[in-house]
Amino acid sequence: MGNGSRFTQAIHDPALAGRRFVDILGAAEPVRVDGDGNGLFTCPEGAAAVFLDEHDAAGLPA
């Protein structure tokens, strides 16, 4: 859903409960998925965002 300046996508996936995701492209804020598997991924409209689990992202080459 766009609101003119940001794009937001809600998720519900119990398999992702408790995990933290980061945008490896740097446009979006990190996202913590709660214990029920709910998370809200938001990035600036028109920007690209690639979210990875923070542990997977830490293993990427600089």
N, C-alpha and C. Protein backbone atom coordinates (compact mmCIF):
# COMPACT_ATOMS: atom_id res chain seq x y z
N MET A 1 0.85 -1.16 0.00
CA MET A 1 0.00 0.00 0.00
C MET A 1 0.89 1.22 0.00
N GLY A 2 0.70 2.14 -0.91
CA GLY A 2 1.49 3.36 -0.96
C GLY A 2 0.72 4.51 -0.34
N ASN A 3 1.44 5.43 0.31
CA ASN A 3 0.77 6.59 0.88
C ASN A 3 1.40 7.88 0.37
N GLY A 4 2.07 7.83 -0.76
CA GLY A 4 2.68 9.02 -1.34
C GLY A 4 4.15 9.14 -1.08
N SER A 5 4.63 8.55 0.00
CA SER A 5 6.06 8.65 0.28
C SER A 5 6.69 7.35 0.74
N ARG A 6 5.88 6.37 1.11
CA ARG A 6 6.43 5.10 1.59
C ARG A 6 5.59 3.95 1.04
N PHE A 7 6.20 2.79 0.95
CA PHE A 7 5.50 1.57 0.54
C PHE A 7 5.60 0.61 1.71
N THR A 8 4.48 0.02 2.10
CA THR A 8 4.44 -0.87 3.26
C THR A 8 3.81 -2.20 2.88
N GLN A 9 4.42 -3.28 3.34
CA GLN A 9 3.88 -4.63 3.12
C GLN A 9 3.85 -5.35 4.46
N ALA A 10 2.66 -5.74 4.89
CA ALA A 10 2.52 -6.51 6.12
C ALA A 10 2.66 -7.99 5.79
N ILE A 11 3.26 -8.74 6.70
CA ILE A 11 3.35 -10.19 6.51
C ILE A 11 2.86 -10.89 7.78
N HIS A 12 2.43 -12.11 7.61
CA HIS A 12 2.14 -12.99 8.73
C HIS A 12 2.65 -14.36 8.33
N ASP A 13 3.75 -14.77 8.96
CA ASP A 13 4.36 -16.07 8.66
C ASP A 13 4.99 -16.59 9.94
N PRO A 14 4.33 -17.52 10.63
CA PRO A 14 4.87 -18.04 11.88
C PRO A 14 6.30 -18.61 11.75
N ALA A 15 6.68 -19.04 10.56
CA ALA A 15 8.04 -19.58 10.36
C ALA A 15 9.10 -18.49 10.53
N LEU A 16 8.71 -17.22 10.43
CA LEU A 16 9.66 -16.11 10.55
C LEU A 16 9.63 -15.47 11.94
N ALA A 17 8.85 -16.02 12.85
CA ALA A 17 8.69 -15.43 14.19
C ALA A 17 10.03 -15.20 14.88
N GLY A 18 10.17 -14.00 15.42
CA GLY A 18 11.36 -13.65 16.19
C GLY A 18 12.59 -13.28 15.38
N ARG A 19 12.51 -13.34 14.07
CA ARG A 19 13.67 -13.02 13.24
C ARG A 19 13.73 -11.53 12.93
N ARG A 20 14.92 -11.03 12.66
CA ARG A 20 15.12 -9.63 12.31
C ARG A 20 15.67 -9.58 10.90
N PHE A 21 15.12 -8.67 10.10
CA PHE A 21 15.52 -8.54 8.70
C PHE A 21 16.09 -7.15 8.46
N VAL A 22 17.11 -7.09 7.62
CA VAL A 22 17.72 -5.82 7.25
C VAL A 22 17.67 -5.68 5.73
N ASP A 23 17.62 -4.43 5.29
CA ASP A 23 17.62 -4.12 3.85
C ASP A 23 19.07 -3.96 3.43
N ILE A 24 19.58 -4.87 2.61
CA ILE A 24 20.99 -4.82 2.23
C ILE A 24 21.29 -3.66 1.28
N LEU A 25 20.25 -3.01 0.74
CA LEU A 25 20.47 -1.85 -0.12
C LEU A 25 20.42 -0.54 0.66
N GLY A 26 20.02 -0.61 1.92
CA GLY A 26 20.08 0.55 2.80
C GLY A 26 18.94 1.54 2.74
N ALA A 27 17.90 1.29 1.96
CA ALA A 27 16.81 2.26 1.84
C ALA A 27 15.79 2.15 2.97
N ALA A 28 15.67 0.98 3.54
CA ALA A 28 14.60 0.72 4.51
C ALA A 28 15.16 0.42 5.89
N GLU A 29 14.32 0.64 6.89
CA GLU A 29 14.69 0.35 8.27
C GLU A 29 14.63 -1.17 8.51
N PRO A 30 15.42 -1.67 9.47
CA PRO A 30 15.32 -3.09 9.82
C PRO A 30 13.91 -3.43 10.32
N VAL A 31 13.54 -4.70 10.18
CA VAL A 31 12.21 -5.17 10.58
C VAL A 31 12.36 -6.33 11.55
N ARG A 32 11.69 -6.26 12.67
CA ARG A 32 11.65 -7.39 13.60
C ARG A 32 10.28 -8.04 13.45
N VAL A 33 10.27 -9.34 13.18
CA VAL A 33 9.03 -10.10 13.09
C VAL A 33 8.69 -10.58 14.50
N ASP A 34 7.48 -10.31 14.97
CA ASP A 34 7.14 -10.64 16.35
C ASP A 34 6.96 -12.15 16.55
N GLY A 35 6.68 -12.54 17.77
CA GLY A 35 6.56 -13.94 18.12
C GLY A 35 5.42 -14.68 17.46
N ASP A 36 4.46 -13.93 16.91
CA ASP A 36 3.34 -14.54 16.19
C ASP A 36 3.58 -14.60 14.69
N GLY A 37 4.72 -14.07 14.24
CA GLY A 37 5.04 -14.08 12.81
C GLY A 37 4.55 -12.87 12.05
N ASN A 38 4.23 -11.78 12.77
CA ASN A 38 3.75 -10.56 12.13
C ASN A 38 4.88 -9.55 11.97
N GLY A 39 4.98 -8.97 10.81
CA GLY A 39 5.99 -7.96 10.55
C GLY A 39 5.48 -6.94 9.56
N LEU A 40 6.09 -5.75 9.57
CA LEU A 40 5.69 -4.68 8.68
C LEU A 40 6.94 -4.15 7.99
N PHE A 41 7.05 -4.45 6.69
CA PHE A 41 8.21 -4.05 5.90
C PHE A 41 7.87 -2.74 5.19
N THR A 42 8.66 -1.71 5.40
CA THR A 42 8.39 -0.39 4.84
C THR A 42 9.64 0.18 4.21
N CYS A 43 9.50 0.77 3.05
CA CYS A 43 10.63 1.47 2.43
C CYS A 43 10.11 2.68 1.67
N PRO A 44 11.00 3.64 1.37
CA PRO A 44 10.57 4.82 0.62
C PRO A 44 10.01 4.40 -0.74
N GLU A 45 8.91 5.01 -1.15
CA GLU A 45 8.31 4.69 -2.44
C GLU A 45 9.31 5.03 -3.54
N GLY A 46 9.45 4.15 -4.50
CA GLY A 46 10.37 4.34 -5.60
C GLY A 46 11.77 3.82 -5.32
N ALA A 47 12.04 3.42 -4.08
CA ALA A 47 13.35 2.87 -3.72
C ALA A 47 13.30 1.35 -3.80
N ALA A 48 14.44 0.76 -3.98
CA ALA A 48 14.53 -0.70 -3.95
C ALA A 48 14.93 -1.13 -2.55
N ALA A 49 14.39 -2.25 -2.12
CA ALA A 49 14.76 -2.82 -0.83
C ALA A 49 14.88 -4.33 -1.00
N VAL A 50 15.93 -4.90 -0.46
CA VAL A 50 16.13 -6.34 -0.48
C VAL A 50 16.35 -6.75 0.97
N PHE A 51 15.34 -7.38 1.57
CA PHE A 51 15.43 -7.77 2.96
C PHE A 51 16.00 -9.18 3.09
N LEU A 52 16.98 -9.32 3.96
CA LEU A 52 17.54 -10.62 4.30
C LEU A 52 17.57 -10.75 5.82
N ASP A 53 17.48 -11.97 6.30
CA ASP A 53 17.69 -12.23 7.71
C ASP A 53 19.02 -11.59 8.10
N GLU A 54 19.10 -10.96 9.27
CA GLU A 54 20.31 -10.22 9.64
C GLU A 54 21.54 -11.13 9.68
N HIS A 55 21.36 -12.40 10.01
CA HIS A 55 22.51 -13.32 10.06
C HIS A 55 23.00 -13.66 8.65
N ASP A 56 22.06 -13.82 7.71
CA ASP A 56 22.45 -14.06 6.31
C ASP A 56 23.14 -12.83 5.73
N ALA A 57 22.60 -11.64 6.04
CA ALA A 57 23.16 -10.40 5.52
C ALA A 57 24.57 -10.17 6.04
N ALA A 58 24.85 -10.59 7.28
CA ALA A 58 26.18 -10.40 7.87
C ALA A 58 27.24 -11.21 7.14
N GLY A 59 26.82 -12.29 6.46
CA GLY A 59 27.77 -13.14 5.75
C GLY A 59 28.08 -12.68 4.34
N LEU A 60 27.42 -11.60 3.88
CA LEU A 60 27.67 -11.11 2.53
C LEU A 60 29.01 -10.34 2.46
N PRO A 61 29.69 -10.44 1.34
CA PRO A 61 30.93 -9.66 1.20
C PRO A 61 30.63 -8.16 1.19
N ALA A 62 31.55 -7.39 1.70
CA ALA A 62 31.35 -5.92 1.77
C ALA A 62 31.47 -5.31 0.40
